[in-house]
Amino acid sequence: MSEPPSKRRRVELSLEDKIKLIKESEMFPKPTLNILSEKYRVGKSTIGDIVRK
């Protein structure tokens, strides 16, 4: 039998990090969600949620 998948580690971004992330997402050329998610070590959907709000 294969091993169960490991749980993802919870990552909390500070307010400062979220502000930086939003400013970076508005830069030109616009970075992809994939690039931002790798930089901040959070999921793409998390990046999308932060940028949309």
PDB file of N, CA and C in Angstrom:
ATOM      1  N   MET A   1       0.835  -1.195   0.000  1.00  0.00           N
ATOM      2  CA  MET A   1       0.000   0.000   0.000  1.00  0.00           C
ATOM      3  C   MET A   1       0.873   1.248   0.000  1.00  0.00           C
ATOM      4  N   SER A   2       0.386   2.261  -0.625  1.00  0.00           N
ATOM      5  CA  SER A   2       1.144   3.511  -0.655  1.00  0.00           C
ATOM      6  C   SER A   2       0.854   4.333   0.594  1.00  0.00           C
ATOM      7  N   GLU A   3       1.766   5.238   0.879  1.00  0.00           N
ATOM      8  CA  GLU A   3       1.605   6.089   2.055  1.00  0.00           C
ATOM      9  C   GLU A   3       0.561   7.168   1.789  1.00  0.00           C
ATOM     10  N   PRO A   4      -0.181   7.586   2.816  1.00  0.00           N
ATOM     11  CA  PRO A   4      -1.156   8.667   2.616  1.00  0.00           C
ATOM     12  C   PRO A   4      -0.419   9.972   2.331  1.00  0.00           C
ATOM     13  N   PRO A   5      -1.033  10.861   1.580  1.00  0.00           N
ATOM     14  CA  PRO A   5      -0.366  12.127   1.274  1.00  0.00           C
ATOM     15  C   PRO A   5      -0.129  12.941   2.544  1.00  0.00           C
ATOM     16  N   SER A   6       0.990  13.640   2.598  1.00  0.00           N
ATOM     17  CA  SER A   6       1.294  14.437   3.779  1.00  0.00           C
ATOM     18  C   SER A   6       0.431  15.697   3.787  1.00  0.00           C
ATOM     19  N   LYS A   7       0.140  16.179   4.990  1.00  0.00           N
ATOM     20  CA  LYS A   7      -0.674  17.382   5.125  1.00  0.00           C
ATOM     21  C   LYS A   7       0.133  18.596   4.704  1.00  0.00           C
ATOM     22  N   ARG A   8      -0.555  19.561   4.101  1.00  0.00           N
ATOM     23  CA  ARG A   8       0.113  20.808   3.737  1.00  0.00           C
ATOM     24  C   ARG A   8       0.347  21.643   4.975  1.00  0.00           C
ATOM     25  N   ARG A   9       1.479  22.288   5.021  1.00  0.00           N
ATOM     26  CA  ARG A   9       1.801  23.159   6.134  1.00  0.00           C
ATOM     27  C   ARG A   9       1.030  24.463   5.971  1.00  0.00           C
ATOM     28  N   ARG A  10       0.470  24.952   7.049  1.00  0.00           N
ATOM     29  CA  ARG A  10      -0.299  26.195   6.995  1.00  0.00           C
ATOM     30  C   ARG A  10       0.661  27.379   6.960  1.00  0.00           C
ATOM     31  N   VAL A  11       0.419  28.285   6.025  1.00  0.00           N
ATOM     32  CA  VAL A  11       1.259  29.472   5.876  1.00  0.00           C
ATOM     33  C   VAL A  11       0.385  30.695   6.056  1.00  0.00           C
ATOM     34  N   GLU A  12       0.783  31.558   6.976  1.00  0.00           N
ATOM     35  CA  GLU A  12       0.051  32.806   7.179  1.00  0.00           C
ATOM     36  C   GLU A  12       0.892  33.948   6.645  1.00  0.00           C
ATOM     37  N   LEU A  13       0.286  34.771   5.822  1.00  0.00           N
ATOM     38  CA  LEU A  13       0.978  35.952   5.312  1.00  0.00           C
ATOM     39  C   LEU A  13       0.619  37.146   6.185  1.00  0.00           C
ATOM     40  N   SER A  14       1.624  37.936   6.510  1.00  0.00           N
ATOM     41  CA  SER A  14       1.365  39.147   7.289  1.00  0.00           C
ATOM     42  C   SER A  14       0.671  40.173   6.393  1.00  0.00           C
ATOM     43  N   LEU A  15       0.130  41.189   7.011  1.00  0.00           N
ATOM     44  CA  LEU A  15      -0.530  42.251   6.251  1.00  0.00           C
ATOM     45  C   LEU A  15       0.466  42.919   5.306  1.00  0.00           C
ATOM     46  N   GLU A  16       1.713  43.106   5.775  1.00  0.00           N
ATOM     47  CA  GLU A  16       2.760  43.688   4.930  1.00  0.00           C
ATOM     48  C   GLU A  16       2.987  42.853   3.679  1.00  0.00           C
ATOM     49  N   ASP A  17       3.071  41.528   3.872  1.00  0.00           N
ATOM     50  CA  ASP A  17       3.283  40.625   2.737  1.00  0.00           C
ATOM     51  C   ASP A  17       2.116  40.688   1.760  1.00  0.00           C
ATOM     52  N   LYS A  18       0.901  40.777   2.287  1.00  0.00           N
ATOM     53  CA  LYS A  18      -0.274  40.844   1.416  1.00  0.00           C
ATOM     54  C   LYS A  18      -0.271  42.132   0.596  1.00  0.00           C
ATOM     55  N   ILE A  19       0.130  43.232   1.221  1.00  0.00           N
ATOM     56  CA  ILE A  19       0.199  44.510   0.505  1.00  0.00           C
ATOM     57  C   ILE A  19       1.257  44.441  -0.591  1.00  0.00           C
ATOM     58  N   LYS A  20       2.434  43.870  -0.270  1.00  0.00           N
ATOM     59  CA  LYS A  20       3.487  43.699  -1.280  1.00  0.00           C
ATOM     60  C   LYS A  20       2.990  42.842  -2.431  1.00  0.00           C
ATOM     61  N   LEU A  21       2.288  41.768  -2.086  1.00  0.00           N
ATOM     62  CA  LEU A  21       1.764  40.849  -3.098  1.00  0.00           C
ATOM     63  C   LEU A  21       0.797  41.577  -4.032  1.00  0.00           C
ATOM     64  N   ILE A  22      -0.091  42.378  -3.477  1.00  0.00           N
ATOM     65  CA  ILE A  22      -1.063  43.118  -4.294  1.00  0.00           C
ATOM     66  C   ILE A  22      -0.341  44.112  -5.200  1.00  0.00           C
ATOM     67  N   LYS A  23       0.649  44.822  -4.664  1.00  0.00           N
ATOM     68  CA  LYS A  23       1.401  45.784  -5.481  1.00  0.00           C
ATOM     69  C   LYS A  23       2.153  45.075  -6.602  1.00  0.00           C
ATOM     70  N   GLU A  24       2.755  43.925  -6.283  1.00  0.00           N
ATOM     71  CA  GLU A  24       3.466  43.155  -7.309  1.00  0.00           C
ATOM     72  C   GLU A  24       2.515  42.669  -8.391  1.00  0.00           C
ATOM     73  N   SER A  25       1.300  42.299  -8.000  1.00  0.00           N
ATOM     74  CA  SER A  25       0.346  41.775  -8.979  1.00  0.00           C
ATOM     75  C   SER A  25      -0.129  42.863  -9.940  1.00  0.00           C
ATOM     76  N   GLU A  26       0.025  44.134  -9.543  1.00  0.00           N
ATOM     77  CA  GLU A  26      -0.405  45.242 -10.393  1.00  0.00           C
ATOM     78  C   GLU A  26       0.721  45.787 -11.266  1.00  0.00           C
ATOM     79  N   MET A  27       1.926  45.234 -11.121  1.00  0.00           N
ATOM     80  CA  MET A  27       3.072  45.705 -11.905  1.00  0.00           C
ATOM     81  C   MET A  27       2.930  45.308 -13.367  1.00  0.00           C
ATOM     82  N   PHE A  28       3.750  45.943 -14.188  1.00  0.00           N
ATOM     83  CA  PHE A  28       3.781  45.588 -15.602  1.00  0.00           C
ATOM     84  C   PHE A  28       5.185  45.120 -15.924  1.00  0.00           C
ATOM     85  N   PRO A  29       5.402  43.997 -16.566  1.00  0.00           N
ATOM     86  CA  PRO A  29       4.390  43.036 -16.996  1.00  0.00           C
ATOM     87  C   PRO A  29       3.826  42.284 -15.794  1.00  0.00           C
ATOM     88  N   LYS A  30       2.581  41.952 -15.896  1.00  0.00           N
ATOM     89  CA  LYS A  30       1.856  41.327 -14.793  1.00  0.00           C
ATOM     90  C   LYS A  30       2.392  39.916 -14.529  1.00  0.00           C
ATOM     91  N   PRO A  31       2.839  39.642 -13.281  1.00  0.00           N
ATOM     92  CA  PRO A  31       3.321  38.288 -12.976  1.00  0.00           C
ATOM     93  C   PRO A  31       2.154  37.304 -12.899  1.00  0.00           C
ATOM     94  N   THR A  32       2.432  36.054 -13.185  1.00  0.00           N
ATOM     95  CA  THR A  32       1.381  35.038 -13.130  1.00  0.00           C
ATOM     96  C   THR A  32       1.134  34.626 -11.684  1.00  0.00           C
ATOM     97  N   LEU A  33      -0.027  34.025 -11.443  1.00  0.00           N
ATOM     98  CA  LEU A  33      -0.332  33.512 -10.109  1.00  0.00           C
ATOM     99  C   LEU A  33       0.694  32.467  -9.707  1.00  0.00           C
ATOM    100  N   ASN A  34       1.161  31.701 -10.693  1.00  0.00           N
ATOM    101  CA  ASN A  34       2.138  30.653 -10.419  1.00  0.00           C
ATOM    102  C   ASN A  34       3.439  31.243  -9.875  1.00  0.00           C
ATOM    103  N   ILE A  35       3.908  32.311 -10.488  1.00  0.00           N
ATOM    104  CA  ILE A  35       5.152  32.956 -10.039  1.00  0.00           C
ATOM    105  C   ILE A  35       4.979  33.507  -8.625  1.00  0.00           C
ATOM    106  N   LEU A  36       3.858  34.184  -8.380  1.00  0.00           N
ATOM    107  CA  LEU A  36       3.610  34.757  -7.053  1.00  0.00           C
ATOM    108  C   LEU A  36       3.437  33.669  -5.995  1.00  0.00           C
ATOM    109  N   SER A  37       2.770  32.575  -6.347  1.00  0.00           N
ATOM    110  CA  SER A  37       2.557  31.507  -5.370  1.00  0.00           C
ATOM    111  C   SER A  37       3.873  30.844  -4.984  1.00  0.00           C
ATOM    112  N   GLU A  38       4.799  30.715  -5.932  1.00  0.00           N
ATOM    113  CA  GLU A  38       6.111  30.149  -5.608  1.00  0.00           C
ATOM    114  C   GLU A  38       6.916  31.112  -4.736  1.00  0.00           C
ATOM    115  N   LYS A  39       6.828  32.391  -5.029  1.00  0.00           N
ATOM    116  CA  LYS A  39       7.588  33.388  -4.270  1.00  0.00           C
ATOM    117  C   LYS A  39       7.122  33.457  -2.816  1.00  0.00           C
ATOM    118  N   TYR A  40       5.803  33.461  -2.605  1.00  0.00           N
ATOM    119  CA  TYR A  40       5.256  33.596  -1.255  1.00  0.00           C
ATOM    120  C   TYR A  40       4.941  32.257  -0.595  1.00  0.00           C
ATOM    121  N   ARG A  41       5.161  31.166  -1.321  1.00  0.00           N
ATOM    122  CA  ARG A  41       4.967  29.798  -0.817  1.00  0.00           C
ATOM    123  C   ARG A  41       3.553  29.538  -0.312  1.00  0.00           C
ATOM    124  N   VAL A  42       2.594  30.001  -1.081  1.00  0.00           N
ATOM    125  CA  VAL A  42       1.186  29.710  -0.805  1.00  0.00           C
ATOM    126  C   VAL A  42       0.547  29.239  -2.106  1.00  0.00           C
ATOM    127  N   GLY A  43      -0.664  28.720  -2.020  1.00  0.00           N
ATOM    128  CA  GLY A  43      -1.344  28.201  -3.194  1.00  0.00           C
ATOM    129  C   GLY A  43      -1.799  29.289  -4.155  1.00  0.00           C
ATOM    130  N   LYS A  44      -2.005  28.879  -5.405  1.00  0.00           N
ATOM    131  CA  LYS A  44      -2.453  29.834  -6.429  1.00  0.00           C
ATOM    132  C   LYS A  44      -3.822  30.403  -6.093  1.00  0.00           C
ATOM    133  N   SER A  45      -4.695  29.573  -5.535  1.00  0.00           N
ATOM    134  CA  SER A  45      -6.032  30.072  -5.197  1.00  0.00           C
ATOM    135  C   SER A  45      -5.962  31.094  -4.061  1.00  0.00           C
ATOM    136  N   THR A  46      -5.018  30.919  -3.150  1.00  0.00           N
ATOM    137  CA  THR A  46      -4.833  31.893  -2.072  1.00  0.00           C
ATOM    138  C   THR A  46      -4.384  33.229  -2.641  1.00  0.00           C
ATOM    139  N   ILE A  47      -3.451  33.186  -3.588  1.00  0.00           N
ATOM    140  CA  ILE A  47      -2.986  34.411  -4.243  1.00  0.00           C
ATOM    141  C   ILE A  47      -4.163  35.090  -4.943  1.00  0.00           C
ATOM    142  N   GLY A  48      -4.951  34.318  -5.664  1.00  0.00           N
ATOM    143  CA  GLY A  48      -6.107  34.864  -6.370  1.00  0.00           C
ATOM    144  C   GLY A  48      -7.100  35.507  -5.422  1.00  0.00           C
ATOM    145  N   ASP A  49      -7.344  34.873  -4.278  1.00  0.00           N
ATOM    146  CA  ASP A  49      -8.269  35.434  -3.285  1.00  0.00           C
ATOM    147  C   ASP A  49      -7.764  36.772  -2.748  1.00  0.00           C
ATOM    148  N   ILE A  50      -6.479  36.849  -2.456  1.00  0.00           N
ATOM    149  CA  ILE A  50      -5.908  38.082  -1.904  1.00  0.00           C
ATOM    150  C   ILE A  50      -5.973  39.205  -2.934  1.00  0.00           C
ATOM    151  N   VAL A  51      -5.620  38.909  -4.177  1.00  0.00           N
ATOM    152  CA  VAL A  51      -5.592  39.928  -5.228  1.00  0.00           C
ATOM    153  C   VAL A  51      -7.002  40.418  -5.551  1.00  0.00           C
ATOM    154  N   ARG A  52      -7.982  39.518  -5.529  1.00  0.00           N
ATOM    155  CA  ARG A  52      -9.367  39.896  -5.862  1.00  0.00           C
ATOM    156  C   ARG A  52      -9.991  40.801  -4.817  1.00  0.00           C
ATOM    157  N   LYS A  53      -9.619  40.657  -3.562  1.00  0.00           N
ATOM    158  CA  LYS A  53     -10.248  41.437  -2.485  1.00  0.00           C
ATOM    159  C   LYS A  53      -9.706  42.791  -2.403  1.00  0.00           C
TER     160      LYS A  53
END
